[in-house]
Amino acid sequence: MSYIWLLPALLLCCAYGLLGLTFAEHLSHMEIMERCVLVSPNLARIWSVAHIEIGLAYFGVFGGMAYYLFRAAKVDPTHLTDLGLGFAYLLFSFLLDFTCVRYFTPFVALLIGDAIVMTFTLLVSQQLWFQRLLGIFVPLVFFTCAFGHFMEGLTYWKLTYPVNVPWTMVTADIGFAILVNAARFPAFIRGQDIVNELESAKAEARARHLFLRDVLLSVTEGHLHFCETQVDLPTPLPDSSPLLPLQRDTLRGIRRAATEAAEAAGFSPQEVHDLQTAVAEAAMNAVVHGGGGQGIVRAEGDAVQVLITDQGAGIHLHELPRATLERGFSTKDSLGHGFWLMLQMVERVDLLTGASGTTLVLTHRRRPALEQAA
């Protein structure tokens, strides 16, 4: 026999023992209020505000947990089902407790309300679907505590005890549901379940990125390098120009800087023209699809490197093959038509794109005289 059941049983004994003690002394409503607000009714306002502050803090904790829960639900939608079951449990608990508090004496209300919910909890506690709800019940404890403190704080302006009392019972019911699933505490305390799912999602996303990177590199014969992080971008060459703003009326500056760097590196007229075309397309796309950006030209020896960044929405992964390989393809949220031209005009294009923006690095080296003649 597992000793895990001794703790819930002890909890019930203590709760009903304390309930019995409440019949030992009869207090007036004013005396009860004085004890609830630290003996002095004058402290009621401060006490109410403190309850509201605590409630808001708990709502914040619940919101943070819910954020990661919804992130995990993108990988496994079961989490949303569990969230629905958890709130259904909470709603059923409240309706039952509210009915009991409204129509029965306090002792009978507690006995019937909590007894029904806790008995149900014990009966289904060994079901896999219920054990899985531990990850939902823990955030729900913060939710119930937040709502309870918030309502308690409102009692300074309007008495909310008809809701507070059954809601307090609901909080106990949710806590009891967690207690009977205590065997899973170690994993949940470490956040292992959700961490594992988020790590799995991250690993899957990286695998897709690497696969797409290899495909694009192969199809473009080594011209297009799809980067995962800033570290994957090529080593910067020495700056040849200052950082240039990219707007419709300033695009001429980045083209002129690229032209001057290419001519200084000994590029042929055709190579200068090719670089101008690639830079113009990249800069225009940053303006049209990224809302503007910045560019800088770098050069060393026979190499010219142009870095262009924007803060647009980036290129979605599912659109990336068409956006980079299909001539004439364009979407509102990606680069597009000019990308095909860039790959034809320069030796190498490095692309880093995401929700925070896009970075393009165009690199071209002067071709040997014999190759140009051919």
Protein backbone atom coordinates (compact mmCIF):
# COMPACT_ATOMS: atom_id res chain seq x y z
CA MET A 1 0.00 0.00 0.00
CA SER A 2 1.32 3.43 -0.97
CA TYR A 3 1.77 5.93 1.84
CA ILE A 4 1.00 8.79 -0.55
CA TRP A 5 -2.66 8.63 0.50
CA LEU A 6 -1.81 9.45 4.12
CA LEU A 7 -1.12 13.09 3.27
CA PRO A 8 -4.52 13.81 1.64
CA ALA A 9 -6.26 11.95 4.49
CA LEU A 10 -4.37 14.02 7.07
CA LEU A 11 -5.31 17.19 5.21
CA LEU A 12 -9.00 16.29 5.37
CA CYS A 13 -8.80 15.47 9.09
CA CYS A 14 -7.16 18.82 9.83
CA ALA A 15 -9.71 20.72 7.73
CA TYR A 16 -12.71 19.17 9.44
CA GLY A 17 -11.03 19.44 12.84
CA LEU A 18 -10.61 23.18 12.36
CA LEU A 19 -14.19 23.42 11.17
CA GLY A 20 -15.30 21.85 14.43
CA LEU A 21 -13.36 24.44 16.40
CA THR A 22 -15.34 27.23 14.76
CA PHE A 23 -18.42 26.07 16.69
CA ALA A 24 -16.64 26.50 20.02
CA GLU A 25 -16.91 30.30 19.99
CA HIS A 26 -19.72 32.45 18.61
CA LEU A 27 -18.71 35.85 17.31
CA SER A 28 -20.72 38.78 15.98
CA HIS A 29 -20.22 39.96 12.42
CA MET A 30 -18.26 43.00 13.62
CA GLU A 31 -15.98 40.82 15.73
CA ILE A 32 -15.33 38.55 12.76
CA MET A 33 -14.52 41.57 10.58
CA GLU A 34 -12.17 42.96 13.24
CA ARG A 35 -10.25 39.69 13.34
CA CYS A 36 -10.11 39.51 9.55
CA VAL A 37 -8.61 42.98 9.22
CA LEU A 38 -5.92 42.73 11.86
CA VAL A 39 -8.23 43.68 14.79
CA SER A 40 -8.79 47.26 13.58
CA PRO A 41 -11.58 47.92 11.04
CA ASN A 42 -9.67 51.07 10.06
CA LEU A 43 -7.11 48.83 8.36
CA ALA A 44 -9.76 47.33 6.05
CA ARG A 45 -8.85 49.62 3.13
CA ILE A 46 -5.12 48.81 3.32
CA TRP A 47 -5.89 45.14 3.75
CA SER A 48 -8.19 45.16 0.69
CA VAL A 49 -5.61 46.89 -1.49
CA ALA A 50 -2.99 44.38 -0.36
CA HIS A 51 -5.27 41.53 -1.42
CA ILE A 52 -5.74 43.08 -4.85
CA GLU A 53 -1.98 43.51 -5.27
CA ILE A 54 -1.40 39.88 -4.33
CA GLY A 55 -4.14 38.82 -6.74
CA LEU A 56 -2.56 40.76 -9.59
CA ALA A 57 0.83 39.20 -8.83
CA TYR A 58 -0.69 35.72 -8.94
CA PHE A 59 -2.42 36.56 -12.21
CA GLY A 60 1.02 37.49 -13.55
CA VAL A 61 2.47 34.13 -12.51
CA PHE A 62 -0.47 32.35 -14.12
CA GLY A 63 0.02 34.40 -17.30
CA GLY A 64 3.70 33.44 -17.45
CA MET A 65 2.89 29.75 -17.03
CA ALA A 66 0.10 29.97 -19.61
CA TYR A 67 2.53 31.53 -22.11
CA TYR A 68 4.86 28.53 -21.98
CA LEU A 69 1.87 26.20 -21.97
CA PHE A 70 0.61 27.66 -25.23
CA ARG A 71 4.12 27.46 -26.70
CA ALA A 72 4.24 23.77 -25.83
CA ALA A 73 0.74 23.36 -27.33
CA LYS A 74 2.13 24.30 -30.74
CA VAL A 75 4.05 21.04 -30.63
CA ASP A 76 1.44 18.95 -28.81
CA PRO A 77 -2.18 20.24 -29.00
CA THR A 78 -3.03 17.87 -26.11
CA HIS A 79 -2.04 20.71 -23.77
CA LEU A 80 -5.03 22.75 -24.95
CA THR A 81 -7.33 19.80 -24.31
CA ASP A 82 -5.84 19.46 -20.83
CA LEU A 83 -6.35 23.17 -20.21
CA GLY A 84 -10.01 22.80 -21.15
CA LEU A 85 -10.41 19.81 -18.82
CA GLY A 86 -8.72 21.72 -16.00
CA PHE A 87 -11.04 24.70 -16.33
CA ALA A 88 -14.04 22.33 -16.60
CA TYR A 89 -12.95 20.77 -13.29
CA LEU A 90 -12.63 24.26 -11.79
CA LEU A 91 -16.05 25.37 -13.08
CA PHE A 92 -17.82 22.20 -11.87
CA SER A 93 -16.17 22.63 -8.46
CA PHE A 94 -17.28 26.22 -8.16
CA LEU A 95 -20.89 25.61 -9.21
CA LEU A 96 -21.19 22.72 -6.78
CA ASP A 97 -19.60 24.62 -3.89
CA PHE A 98 -21.59 27.78 -4.65
CA THR A 99 -24.85 25.81 -4.59
CA CYS A 100 -23.92 24.13 -1.32
CA VAL A 101 -22.91 27.43 0.34
CA ARG A 102 -26.13 29.10 -0.82
CA TYR A 103 -28.59 26.43 0.30
CA PHE A 104 -26.95 24.60 3.23
CA THR A 105 -25.37 25.42 6.57
CA PRO A 106 -21.58 26.02 6.49
CA PHE A 107 -20.76 22.60 7.93
CA VAL A 108 -23.04 20.72 5.52
CA ALA A 109 -21.87 22.87 2.60
CA LEU A 110 -18.23 22.05 3.26
CA LEU A 111 -19.02 18.40 3.89
CA ILE A 112 -21.07 17.95 0.72
CA GLY A 113 -19.17 20.27 -1.63
CA ASP A 114 -15.63 19.21 -0.83
CA ALA A 115 -16.59 15.57 -0.21
CA ILE A 116 -18.10 15.18 -3.69
CA VAL A 117 -15.25 16.87 -5.54
CA MET A 118 -12.49 15.18 -3.53
CA THR A 119 -14.16 11.77 -3.83
CA PHE A 120 -14.39 12.23 -7.58
CA THR A 121 -10.75 13.28 -7.63
CA LEU A 122 -9.68 10.16 -5.74
CA LEU A 123 -11.73 7.86 -8.00
CA VAL A 124 -10.17 9.17 -11.22
CA SER A 125 -6.71 9.92 -9.83
CA GLN A 126 -5.24 6.76 -11.36
CA GLN A 127 -6.50 7.58 -14.84
CA LEU A 128 -3.75 8.63 -17.21
CA TRP A 129 -5.69 11.65 -18.48
CA PHE A 130 -6.10 12.93 -14.92
CA GLN A 131 -2.45 12.37 -13.98
CA ARG A 132 -1.50 14.33 -17.08
CA LEU A 133 -3.48 17.31 -15.75
CA LEU A 134 -0.86 18.07 -13.10
CA GLY A 135 0.81 20.42 -15.56
CA ILE A 136 -2.53 22.27 -15.82
CA PHE A 137 -3.57 22.19 -12.17
CA VAL A 138 -0.41 23.93 -10.95
CA PRO A 139 -1.02 27.09 -13.03
CA LEU A 140 -4.71 26.86 -12.09
CA VAL A 141 -3.76 27.09 -8.41
CA PHE A 142 -2.22 30.49 -9.14
CA PHE A 143 -5.33 31.41 -11.11
CA THR A 144 -7.70 30.47 -8.30
CA CYS A 145 -5.52 32.17 -5.68
CA ALA A 146 -5.33 35.29 -7.85
CA PHE A 147 -9.10 35.45 -8.31
CA GLY A 148 -9.71 34.73 -4.62
CA HIS A 149 -7.38 37.48 -3.40
CA PHE A 150 -8.82 39.90 -5.94
CA MET A 151 -12.38 39.23 -4.79
CA GLU A 152 -11.31 39.44 -1.15
CA GLY A 153 -9.83 42.85 -1.86
CA LEU A 154 -13.10 44.06 -3.36
CA THR A 155 -14.92 43.44 -0.06
CA TYR A 156 -13.89 46.94 1.07
CA TRP A 157 -16.17 48.39 -1.63
CA LYS A 158 -18.70 45.57 -2.04
CA LEU A 159 -19.21 42.39 -0.02
CA THR A 160 -18.20 39.42 -2.14
CA TYR A 161 -18.41 36.65 0.46
CA PRO A 162 -21.11 34.70 -1.47
CA VAL A 163 -18.44 34.19 -4.14
CA ASN A 164 -15.33 34.19 -1.92
CA VAL A 165 -16.38 31.26 0.24
CA PRO A 166 -17.13 28.76 -2.56
CA TRP A 167 -14.12 30.03 -4.49
CA THR A 168 -11.89 29.31 -1.50
CA MET A 169 -13.28 25.78 -1.53
CA VAL A 170 -12.44 25.57 -5.24
CA THR A 171 -8.84 26.54 -4.48
CA ALA A 172 -8.71 23.71 -1.94
CA ASP A 173 -10.18 21.30 -4.50
CA ILE A 174 -7.54 22.23 -7.09
CA GLY A 175 -4.79 21.89 -4.47
CA PHE A 176 -6.16 18.48 -3.50
CA ALA A 177 -6.10 17.40 -7.17
CA ILE A 178 -2.40 18.29 -7.29
CA LEU A 179 -1.76 16.49 -4.04
CA VAL A 180 -3.09 13.15 -5.28
CA ASN A 181 -0.75 13.48 -8.27
CA ALA A 182 2.23 14.19 -6.02
CA ALA A 183 4.19 11.30 -7.53
CA ARG A 184 4.85 13.54 -10.54
CA PHE A 185 6.11 16.48 -8.48
CA PRO A 186 9.85 15.96 -9.16
CA ALA A 187 9.45 16.16 -12.93
CA PHE A 188 7.13 19.14 -12.77
CA ILE A 189 9.25 21.05 -10.26
CA ARG A 190 12.07 20.89 -12.78
CA GLY A 191 9.61 21.82 -15.51
CA GLN A 192 10.85 18.72 -17.27
CA ASP A 193 7.71 17.96 -19.28
CA ILE A 194 7.40 21.36 -20.91
CA VAL A 195 11.17 21.82 -21.20
CA ASN A 196 11.45 18.50 -23.04
CA GLU A 197 8.73 19.50 -25.47
CA LEU A 198 10.22 22.93 -26.12
CA GLU A 199 13.66 21.37 -26.63
CA SER A 200 12.13 18.83 -28.99
CA ALA A 201 10.45 21.62 -30.95
CA LYS A 202 13.74 23.52 -31.08
CA ALA A 203 15.56 20.40 -32.32
CA GLU A 204 12.93 19.83 -35.01
CA ALA A 205 13.15 23.45 -36.15
CA ARG A 206 16.93 23.23 -36.34
CA ALA A 207 16.73 19.98 -38.32
CA ARG A 208 14.39 21.67 -40.83
CA HIS A 209 16.75 24.63 -41.03
CA LEU A 210 19.80 22.43 -41.70
CA PHE A 211 17.92 20.43 -44.31
CA LEU A 212 16.80 23.59 -46.10
CA ARG A 213 20.30 25.05 -45.85
CA ASP A 214 21.84 21.99 -47.51
CA VAL A 215 19.19 21.91 -50.24
CA LEU A 216 19.61 25.60 -51.10
CA LEU A 217 23.40 25.31 -51.07
CA SER A 218 23.23 22.34 -53.44
CA VAL A 219 20.63 23.74 -55.83
CA THR A 220 22.44 27.09 -56.14
CA GLU A 221 25.81 25.33 -56.56
CA GLY A 222 27.25 26.93 -53.46
CA HIS A 223 26.04 30.49 -54.12
CA LEU A 224 23.36 30.73 -51.41
CA HIS A 225 24.28 30.15 -47.75
CA PHE A 226 21.27 30.01 -45.43
CA CYS A 227 22.52 31.03 -41.98
CA GLU A 228 21.09 29.97 -38.64
CA THR A 229 22.65 32.67 -36.42
CA GLN A 230 24.85 35.75 -36.73
CA VAL A 231 27.87 33.53 -36.15
CA ASP A 232 27.23 31.79 -39.47
CA LEU A 233 27.60 35.02 -41.45
CA PRO A 234 30.95 35.51 -43.22
CA THR A 235 33.82 37.25 -41.43
CA PRO A 236 33.45 41.01 -42.00
CA LEU A 237 36.03 42.66 -44.23
CA PRO A 238 37.40 46.11 -43.32
CA ASP A 239 34.79 48.88 -43.71
CA SER A 240 34.95 50.79 -46.96
CA SER A 241 31.98 53.05 -46.32
CA PRO A 242 30.08 54.43 -43.32
CA LEU A 243 26.79 52.85 -42.25
CA LEU A 244 24.25 54.03 -44.81
CA PRO A 245 20.48 54.37 -44.20
CA LEU A 246 18.30 52.61 -46.75
CA GLN A 247 15.17 54.46 -47.83
CA ARG A 248 13.74 55.13 -51.28
CA ASP A 249 15.53 58.47 -51.53
CA THR A 250 18.89 57.17 -50.23
CA LEU A 251 19.40 54.01 -52.30
CA ARG A 252 21.81 55.81 -54.59
CA GLY A 253 24.32 56.06 -51.72
CA ILE A 254 24.74 52.29 -51.24
CA ARG A 255 25.04 51.76 -55.02
CA ARG A 256 27.69 54.47 -55.31
CA ALA A 257 29.68 53.07 -52.37
CA ALA A 258 29.58 49.55 -53.87
CA THR A 259 30.64 50.89 -57.29
CA GLU A 260 33.61 52.78 -55.84
CA ALA A 261 34.76 49.74 -53.84
CA ALA A 262 34.46 47.46 -56.88
CA GLU A 263 36.42 49.83 -59.13
CA ALA A 264 39.12 50.19 -56.45
CA ALA A 265 39.39 46.38 -56.30
CA GLY A 266 39.98 46.22 -60.09
CA PHE A 267 36.62 44.79 -61.11
CA SER A 268 35.86 44.76 -64.84
CA PRO A 269 33.02 47.00 -66.06
CA GLN A 270 30.74 43.96 -66.36
CA GLU A 271 31.53 42.86 -62.78
CA VAL A 272 30.89 46.38 -61.52
CA HIS A 273 27.53 46.35 -63.28
CA ASP A 274 26.65 42.93 -61.84
CA LEU A 275 27.48 44.07 -58.32
CA GLN A 276 25.47 47.27 -58.79
CA THR A 277 22.46 45.23 -59.90
CA ALA A 278 22.66 42.82 -56.96
CA VAL A 279 23.10 45.62 -54.42
CA ALA A 280 20.22 47.61 -55.93
CA GLU A 281 17.87 44.60 -55.71
CA ALA A 282 18.89 43.78 -52.14
CA ALA A 283 18.54 47.40 -50.99
CA MET A 284 15.18 47.88 -52.71
CA ASN A 285 13.81 44.71 -51.14
CA ALA A 286 14.90 45.96 -47.71
CA VAL A 287 12.90 49.14 -48.35
CA VAL A 288 9.81 47.53 -49.90
CA HIS A 289 9.50 44.44 -47.73
CA GLY A 290 11.44 45.44 -44.62
CA GLY A 291 10.32 49.04 -44.22
CA GLY A 292 13.85 50.32 -44.75
CA GLY A 293 17.14 49.34 -43.23
CA GLN A 294 20.87 49.93 -43.20
CA GLY A 295 23.76 49.01 -45.45
CA ILE A 296 27.54 49.08 -45.38
CA VAL A 297 30.19 48.30 -47.97
CA ARG A 298 33.38 46.47 -47.00
CA ALA A 299 36.39 45.62 -49.13
CA GLU A 300 39.81 44.03 -48.94
CA GLY A 301 42.13 43.07 -51.77
CA ASP A 302 40.10 41.66 -54.65
CA ALA A 303 36.89 41.15 -52.58
CA VAL A 304 33.90 43.41 -51.97
CA GLN A 305 31.30 42.64 -49.35
CA VAL A 306 27.97 44.44 -48.96
CA LEU A 307 25.93 43.98 -45.78
CA ILE A 308 22.23 44.94 -45.83
CA THR A 309 19.87 44.61 -42.87
CA ASP A 310 16.20 45.40 -42.21
CA GLN A 311 13.70 44.94 -39.38
CA GLY A 312 10.89 43.44 -41.44
CA ALA A 313 8.96 40.22 -40.88
CA GLY A 314 11.61 38.13 -42.63
CA ILE A 315 11.02 35.23 -45.00
CA HIS A 316 8.85 32.41 -43.73
CA LEU A 317 10.57 29.05 -44.04
CA HIS A 318 7.80 27.57 -46.17
CA GLU A 319 8.23 30.45 -48.66
CA LEU A 320 12.02 30.48 -48.66
CA PRO A 321 12.63 28.02 -51.56
CA ARG A 322 10.30 29.91 -53.90
CA ALA A 323 11.47 33.32 -52.71
CA THR A 324 15.11 32.51 -53.41
CA LEU A 325 14.90 30.18 -56.40
CA GLU A 326 11.80 31.09 -58.39
CA ARG A 327 12.20 33.96 -60.81
CA GLY A 328 9.47 36.55 -60.34
CA PHE A 329 8.11 35.17 -57.04
CA SER A 330 7.25 37.82 -54.48
CA THR A 331 5.22 38.10 -51.31
CA LYS A 332 4.51 41.00 -49.01
CA ASP A 333 6.50 39.43 -46.15
CA SER A 334 9.59 38.25 -47.96
CA LEU A 335 12.31 39.40 -50.29
CA GLY A 336 11.33 38.04 -53.65
CA HIS A 337 11.72 38.92 -57.31
CA GLY A 338 15.21 40.42 -57.05
CA PHE A 339 16.60 37.51 -55.08
CA TRP A 340 16.94 35.38 -58.20
CA LEU A 341 18.97 38.16 -59.81
CA MET A 342 21.33 38.45 -56.84
CA LEU A 343 22.30 34.80 -57.15
CA GLN A 344 23.13 35.34 -60.81
CA MET A 345 25.20 38.45 -60.27
CA VAL A 346 27.50 37.80 -57.30
CA GLU A 347 29.70 34.97 -56.17
CA ARG A 348 28.06 34.36 -52.79
CA VAL A 349 24.91 35.41 -50.92
CA ASP A 350 24.55 34.81 -47.17
CA LEU A 351 21.03 35.03 -45.79
CA LEU A 352 19.91 35.27 -42.18
CA THR A 353 16.18 35.82 -41.73
CA GLY A 354 13.65 35.67 -38.92
CA ALA A 355 10.80 37.48 -37.23
CA SER A 356 13.11 40.31 -36.14
CA GLY A 357 14.40 41.07 -39.63
CA THR A 358 16.66 39.96 -42.48
CA THR A 359 20.39 40.24 -43.01
CA LEU A 360 21.97 39.81 -46.43
CA VAL A 361 25.68 39.68 -47.17
CA LEU A 362 26.65 39.91 -50.84
CA THR A 363 30.24 38.88 -51.54
CA HIS A 364 32.04 39.08 -54.87
CA ARG A 365 35.69 38.61 -55.79
CA ARG A 366 37.40 39.95 -58.88
CA ARG A 367 37.62 37.26 -61.50
CA PRO A 368 41.02 36.54 -63.08
CA ALA A 369 41.64 38.26 -66.40
CA LEU A 370 41.65 34.94 -68.33
CA GLU A 371 38.27 33.98 -66.90
CA GLN A 372 36.81 37.34 -67.81
CA ALA A 373 38.04 37.02 -71.35
CA ALA A 374 36.51 33.57 -71.68
